[in-house]
Amino acid sequence: MTMSFFDQFASPSYLGIPLIAIAIALPWVLYPAPTSRWINNRLITMQGWFISRFTNQLMLPLNVGGHKWALLLASLMVFLITINMLGLLPYTFTPTTQLSLNMGFAVPLWLATVIIGMRNQPTVALGHLLPEGTPIPLIPVLIIIETISLFIRPLALGVRLTANLTAGHLLIQLIATAAFVLLPMMPTIAILTATILFLLTLLEVAVAMIQAYVFVLLLSLYLQENV
C-alpha cells in the first residue's frame, strides 16, 4: 500500500479509538515534580529558572492586572514546546500539526482577552477599531477593516503554528526519503543530503521552540491591549 507524505499528520487510532488525547496528556508526565527539600536537583532548578525568566520577560509590558495570566501563559508555553519537540522524534505524532487543536487553544484565549477589554475598558477597546485622526469618509471602511483584522487574529495564531510545523515535518520527510533513495546509486550525494537533513533537523528544533514562544507572545500582546 502506497503511503502518502501527509499520512504522518493523520491522528493515530487503536481499535477505532483516537489516541490524540494520550499524545496531549503525555508531556505532563515528563515534567519533574518539585520536592519539599530545601535544595532541588539540577533539572528542577533549571526548569524553575527557565520558567521564571520567561514569565518575567512576558509580564514586563503588562500592568498588575495582566499578571494573573502568568501561570496560564507560562504553562501553555512549556506545553507547546514539549509537544513540538517530542514531535521531532521518529515514529511520533505531533498534535500541534492539527489545526483543530491549535484553534482550540487560540480562540478561547483570544476571546478571553477581548471580553476582558470590553468589560474593564469598553471605550478603549472599541477605540482600537478606529485610529485617531481618521477622515470622516473613511470611518465606515476602517471600522470594517479593523473588525475583520480583529476576528482574524485567532485564525492567524492557529494557522501560523500549524503551517510552520507541518512544513518542517514535510521537508524533513522529503529530504530523508531522497537520502534513502540516493544511497545505493550515489553515496556521495546521499551523504551530502544526509548532512543537509541533520542541519534541517537542528533548524526544526529551533522552529519548534520559537513558534511556541511566538504563539504565547502574541497572546500576551493581545492581552496588553485590553488590560
Protein backbone atom coordinates (compact mmCIF):
# COMPACT_ATOMS: atom_id res chain seq x y z
CA MET A 1 0.00 0.00 0.00
CA THR A 2 1.43 3.36 -1.03
CA MET A 3 1.96 5.78 1.84
CA SER A 4 1.41 9.49 1.37
CA PHE A 5 3.69 12.14 2.82
CA PHE A 6 0.66 13.53 4.63
CA ASP A 7 -0.13 10.25 6.42
CA GLN A 8 2.17 11.32 9.25
CA PHE A 9 -0.30 14.09 10.13
CA ALA A 10 -3.28 11.73 10.47
CA SER A 11 -4.47 11.34 14.05
CA PRO A 12 -3.41 7.86 15.26
CA SER A 13 -6.04 5.43 16.50
CA TYR A 14 -6.11 1.97 18.06
CA LEU A 15 -9.16 -0.25 17.66
CA GLY A 16 -11.03 2.78 16.38
CA ILE A 17 -10.15 4.87 19.47
CA PRO A 18 -8.30 8.15 18.73
CA LEU A 19 -5.01 8.37 20.59
CA ILE A 20 -4.57 12.13 20.32
CA ALA A 21 -5.70 12.51 23.94
CA ILE A 22 -2.75 10.37 25.05
CA ALA A 23 -0.39 12.39 22.86
CA ILE A 24 -1.65 15.58 24.52
CA ALA A 25 -1.52 14.22 28.08
CA LEU A 26 1.89 12.52 27.78
CA PRO A 27 4.07 15.68 28.07
CA TRP A 28 2.72 16.41 31.55
CA VAL A 29 4.16 13.08 32.76
CA LEU A 30 7.66 14.10 31.69
CA TYR A 31 7.90 17.24 33.82
CA PRO A 32 9.82 16.78 37.08
CA ALA A 33 7.68 17.47 40.12
CA PRO A 34 9.04 19.89 42.73
CA THR A 35 10.13 18.35 46.01
CA SER A 36 9.81 19.52 49.61
CA ARG A 37 13.58 19.65 50.03
CA TRP A 38 15.38 22.93 50.54
CA ILE A 39 17.84 22.17 47.73
CA ASN A 40 16.48 20.79 44.45
CA ASN A 41 18.37 18.81 41.85
CA ARG A 42 19.81 20.42 38.72
CA LEU A 43 16.88 19.54 36.46
CA ILE A 44 14.24 21.13 38.70
CA THR A 45 16.48 24.14 39.31
CA MET A 46 17.00 24.67 35.57
CA GLN A 47 13.27 24.23 34.92
CA GLY A 48 12.39 26.79 37.59
CA TRP A 49 14.99 29.25 36.30
CA PHE A 50 13.72 28.96 32.71
CA ILE A 51 10.06 29.43 33.66
CA SER A 52 10.91 32.35 35.96
CA ARG A 53 12.96 34.15 33.30
CA PHE A 54 10.33 33.58 30.62
CA THR A 55 7.49 34.74 32.87
CA ASN A 56 9.35 37.90 33.88
CA GLN A 57 10.07 38.74 30.24
CA LEU A 58 6.48 38.05 29.20
CA MET A 59 4.85 40.04 32.01
CA LEU A 60 7.20 43.02 31.69
CA PRO A 61 4.97 45.17 29.42
CA LEU A 62 1.75 44.23 31.25
CA ASN A 63 0.28 46.02 34.25
CA VAL A 64 -0.60 44.30 37.51
CA GLY A 65 -4.00 43.17 36.21
CA GLY A 66 -2.37 41.18 33.42
CA HIS A 67 -0.08 39.31 35.84
CA LYS A 68 -2.97 36.99 36.67
CA TRP A 69 -2.29 35.34 33.30
CA ALA A 70 1.32 34.48 34.18
CA LEU A 71 0.63 30.89 35.23
CA LEU A 72 -1.61 30.17 32.23
CA LEU A 73 0.76 31.63 29.64
CA ALA A 74 3.88 30.02 31.15
CA SER A 75 2.16 26.62 31.32
CA LEU A 76 0.98 26.96 27.71
CA MET A 77 4.48 27.89 26.58
CA VAL A 78 6.11 24.87 28.26
CA PHE A 79 3.35 22.59 27.00
CA LEU A 80 3.67 23.72 23.37
CA ILE A 81 7.47 23.47 23.44
CA THR A 82 7.30 19.93 24.81
CA ILE A 83 4.73 18.76 22.25
CA ASN A 84 6.66 20.34 19.37
CA MET A 85 9.97 18.83 20.50
CA LEU A 86 8.51 15.35 21.05
CA GLY A 87 7.01 15.52 17.57
CA LEU A 88 10.52 15.62 16.08
CA LEU A 89 11.31 12.15 17.40
CA PRO A 90 10.91 9.25 14.91
CA TYR A 91 7.60 7.40 14.83
CA THR A 92 5.81 10.02 16.90
CA PHE A 93 2.73 12.14 16.32
CA THR A 94 2.70 15.92 16.71
CA PRO A 95 -0.73 17.14 17.94
CA THR A 96 0.13 20.76 17.10
CA THR A 97 0.13 19.92 13.38
CA GLN A 98 -3.67 19.65 13.74
CA LEU A 99 -5.37 22.97 13.02
CA SER A 100 -8.34 21.99 15.21
CA LEU A 101 -6.12 21.66 18.29
CA ASN A 102 -4.33 24.96 17.69
CA MET A 103 -7.61 26.75 17.10
CA GLY A 104 -8.88 25.19 20.32
CA PHE A 105 -6.03 26.94 22.10
CA ALA A 106 -6.19 30.21 20.15
CA VAL A 107 -9.91 31.02 20.03
CA PRO A 108 -10.81 30.76 23.76
CA LEU A 109 -7.70 32.64 24.90
CA TRP A 110 -8.15 35.39 22.29
CA LEU A 111 -11.85 35.65 23.16
CA ALA A 112 -10.96 35.94 26.85
CA THR A 113 -8.67 38.92 26.13
CA VAL A 114 -11.43 40.62 24.11
CA ILE A 115 -14.03 40.04 26.83
CA ILE A 116 -11.67 41.42 29.48
CA GLY A 117 -11.14 44.55 27.40
CA MET A 118 -14.87 45.04 26.79
CA ARG A 119 -15.64 44.58 30.49
CA ASN A 120 -12.86 46.67 32.04
CA GLN A 121 -12.41 49.48 29.49
CA PRO A 122 -15.01 49.29 26.70
CA THR A 123 -14.21 52.77 25.34
CA VAL A 124 -10.52 51.97 24.87
CA ALA A 125 -11.28 48.51 23.47
CA LEU A 126 -13.69 49.91 20.88
CA GLY A 127 -11.28 52.77 20.18
CA HIS A 128 -8.85 50.29 18.62
CA LEU A 129 -11.35 49.87 15.77
CA LEU A 130 -10.94 53.47 14.68
CA PRO A 131 -7.50 55.15 14.59
CA GLU A 132 -7.34 58.73 15.82
CA GLY A 133 -7.50 61.43 13.15
CA THR A 134 -9.28 59.29 10.56
CA PRO A 135 -11.08 61.33 7.83
CA ILE A 136 -14.85 61.13 8.14
CA PRO A 137 -15.45 59.44 4.72
CA LEU A 138 -13.06 56.61 5.67
CA ILE A 139 -14.58 55.89 9.08
CA PRO A 140 -17.04 53.14 7.96
CA VAL A 141 -14.41 51.42 5.82
CA LEU A 142 -11.75 51.47 8.55
CA ILE A 143 -14.17 50.14 11.17
CA ILE A 144 -14.98 47.19 8.91
CA ILE A 145 -11.30 46.53 8.15
CA GLU A 146 -10.26 46.73 11.82
CA THR A 147 -13.15 44.47 12.84
CA ILE A 148 -12.12 41.87 10.27
CA SER A 149 -8.49 42.07 11.40
CA LEU A 150 -9.63 41.59 15.00
CA PHE A 151 -11.52 38.40 14.18
CA ILE A 152 -8.68 37.09 12.01
CA ARG A 153 -6.26 37.12 14.97
CA PRO A 154 -7.15 33.67 16.39
CA LEU A 155 -7.13 32.18 12.88
CA ALA A 156 -3.66 33.63 12.29
CA LEU A 157 -2.43 32.20 15.59
CA GLY A 158 -3.63 28.69 14.80
CA VAL A 159 -2.63 28.68 11.12
CA ARG A 160 0.86 30.06 11.84
CA LEU A 161 1.68 27.30 14.32
CA THR A 162 0.14 24.56 12.15
CA ALA A 163 1.76 25.71 8.89
CA ASN A 164 5.28 26.10 10.29
CA LEU A 165 5.33 22.69 11.96
CA THR A 166 3.66 20.93 9.03
CA ALA A 167 6.09 22.46 6.51
CA GLY A 168 9.08 21.49 8.62
CA HIS A 169 7.96 17.89 9.02
CA LEU A 170 7.21 17.56 5.32
CA LEU A 171 10.61 18.96 4.39
CA ILE A 172 12.37 16.56 6.76
CA GLN A 173 10.49 13.60 5.30
CA LEU A 174 11.19 14.66 1.71
CA ILE A 175 14.94 15.06 2.29
CA ALA A 176 15.13 11.84 4.32
CA THR A 177 13.38 9.95 1.50
CA ALA A 178 15.76 11.47 -1.05
CA ALA A 179 18.80 10.44 1.01
CA PHE A 180 17.47 6.89 1.37
CA VAL A 181 16.79 6.55 -2.38
CA LEU A 182 20.15 8.06 -3.43
CA LEU A 183 22.26 5.93 -1.07
CA PRO A 184 22.65 2.84 -3.32
CA MET A 185 23.05 4.89 -6.53
CA MET A 186 25.08 7.97 -5.49
CA PRO A 187 26.56 7.56 -1.99
CA THR A 188 28.36 10.91 -2.07
CA ILE A 189 25.20 12.82 -2.90
CA ALA A 190 23.33 10.79 -0.29
CA ILE A 191 25.87 11.75 2.40
CA LEU A 192 25.56 15.40 1.40
CA THR A 193 21.77 15.11 1.56
CA ALA A 194 22.02 13.48 5.00
CA THR A 195 24.16 16.39 6.18
CA ILE A 196 21.52 18.83 4.97
CA LEU A 197 18.92 16.73 6.77
CA PHE A 198 20.89 16.97 10.02
CA LEU A 199 21.16 20.75 9.72
CA LEU A 200 17.46 20.99 8.88
CA THR A 201 16.61 18.96 11.97
CA LEU A 202 18.56 21.42 14.12
CA LEU A 203 16.64 24.23 12.44
CA GLU A 204 13.35 22.50 13.18
CA VAL A 205 14.29 22.21 16.86
CA ALA A 206 14.71 25.98 16.89
CA VAL A 207 11.45 26.46 14.97
CA ALA A 208 9.59 24.23 17.45
CA MET A 209 10.69 26.45 20.34
CA ILE A 210 10.31 29.76 18.51
CA GLN A 211 6.78 29.03 17.30
CA ALA A 212 5.64 28.13 20.81
CA TYR A 213 7.16 31.39 22.07
CA VAL A 214 5.56 33.44 19.28
CA PHE A 215 2.14 31.89 19.99
CA VAL A 216 2.28 32.89 23.65
CA LEU A 217 3.92 36.26 22.94
CA LEU A 218 1.13 37.30 20.57
CA LEU A 219 -1.45 36.29 23.16
CA SER A 220 0.31 38.49 25.71
CA LEU A 221 0.29 41.39 23.22
CA TYR A 222 -3.45 40.94 22.68
CA LEU A 223 -3.85 40.92 26.45
CA GLN A 224 -1.77 44.08 26.76
CA GLU A 225 -4.23 45.95 24.54
CA ASN A 226 -7.13 45.05 26.82
CA VAL A 227 -5.84 45.42 30.38
